[in-house]
Amino acid sequence: MSLEEYAHLWTAPPGKYVLEKSIVEGEEFLLICCPDEGAVVLIDDDDVNNQVTQRMIAAGVPVING
């Protein structure tokens, strides 16, 4: 998938998505969550995932502690 196919993650109305900060085995990562649906978005490509989360942060998507 191209990066623009994930644009809804950073252009959605406020509160639709959040980034949950998690630490697993000492490694920190951001999990893309949709609290209203109780769902997470998994992106298999690490580079694309990093670009998406950076765009989400730049767009003001909240980062919460997990």
Protein backbone atom coordinates (compact mmCIF):
# COMPACT_ATOMS: atom_id res chain seq x y z
CA MET A 1 0.00 0.00 0.00
CA SER A 2 1.11 3.53 -0.66
CA LEU A 3 1.41 6.03 2.15
CA GLU A 4 -1.57 8.02 0.88
CA GLU A 5 -3.82 4.98 1.33
CA TYR A 6 -3.41 5.56 5.08
CA ALA A 7 -4.22 9.31 4.93
CA HIS A 8 -7.53 8.73 6.72
CA LEU A 9 -5.48 7.97 9.86
CA TRP A 10 -4.17 11.55 10.11
CA THR A 11 -7.09 13.37 8.47
CA ALA A 12 -9.90 11.78 10.51
CA PRO A 13 -11.93 13.91 12.94
CA PRO A 14 -10.19 14.52 16.30
CA GLY A 15 -10.49 11.58 18.65
CA LYS A 16 -11.14 8.98 15.94
CA TYR A 17 -7.59 7.61 16.29
CA VAL A 18 -4.92 7.77 18.98
CA LEU A 19 -1.35 6.57 19.16
CA GLU A 20 -0.73 4.38 22.19
CA LYS A 21 2.85 4.37 23.44
CA SER A 22 3.88 0.85 24.42
CA ILE A 23 7.10 -0.80 25.50
CA VAL A 24 7.78 -4.45 24.75
CA GLU A 25 11.06 -6.03 25.83
CA GLY A 26 12.58 -2.58 26.29
CA GLU A 27 11.61 -1.35 22.83
CA GLU A 28 9.19 1.56 22.55
CA PHE A 29 6.65 1.68 19.74
CA LEU A 30 3.42 3.46 18.84
CA LEU A 31 0.28 1.43 18.28
CA ILE A 32 -2.41 3.00 16.09
CA CYS A 33 -5.74 2.62 17.91
CA CYS A 34 -9.37 3.41 17.15
CA PRO A 35 -10.90 3.67 20.65
CA ASP A 36 -14.52 3.89 19.47
CA GLU A 37 -14.24 0.55 17.71
CA GLY A 38 -11.86 -1.09 20.18
CA ALA A 39 -9.56 -1.83 17.26
CA VAL A 40 -5.94 -1.37 16.26
CA VAL A 41 -4.45 -0.74 12.84
CA LEU A 42 -1.52 -2.98 11.97
CA ILE A 43 0.84 -1.99 9.16
CA ASP A 44 3.24 -4.79 8.22
CA ASP A 45 5.84 -2.55 6.58
CA ASP A 46 7.93 -0.90 9.32
CA ASP A 47 9.00 2.01 7.09
CA VAL A 48 5.41 2.79 6.10
CA ASN A 49 4.27 2.40 9.71
CA ASN A 50 6.91 4.89 10.87
CA GLN A 51 5.92 7.40 8.17
CA VAL A 52 2.23 7.04 9.04
CA THR A 53 2.80 7.53 12.78
CA GLN A 54 4.99 10.58 12.09
CA ARG A 55 2.26 12.11 9.92
CA MET A 56 -0.30 11.37 12.62
CA ILE A 57 1.86 13.11 15.24
CA ALA A 58 2.39 16.09 12.92
CA ALA A 59 -1.40 16.29 12.40
CA GLY A 60 -1.98 16.42 16.16
CA VAL A 61 -3.24 12.89 16.77
CA PRO A 62 -2.93 12.32 20.55
CA VAL A 63 -0.16 10.08 21.90
CA ILE A 64 -1.24 8.28 25.08
CA ASN A 65 0.59 5.95 27.45
CA GLY A 66 -0.43 2.31 27.12
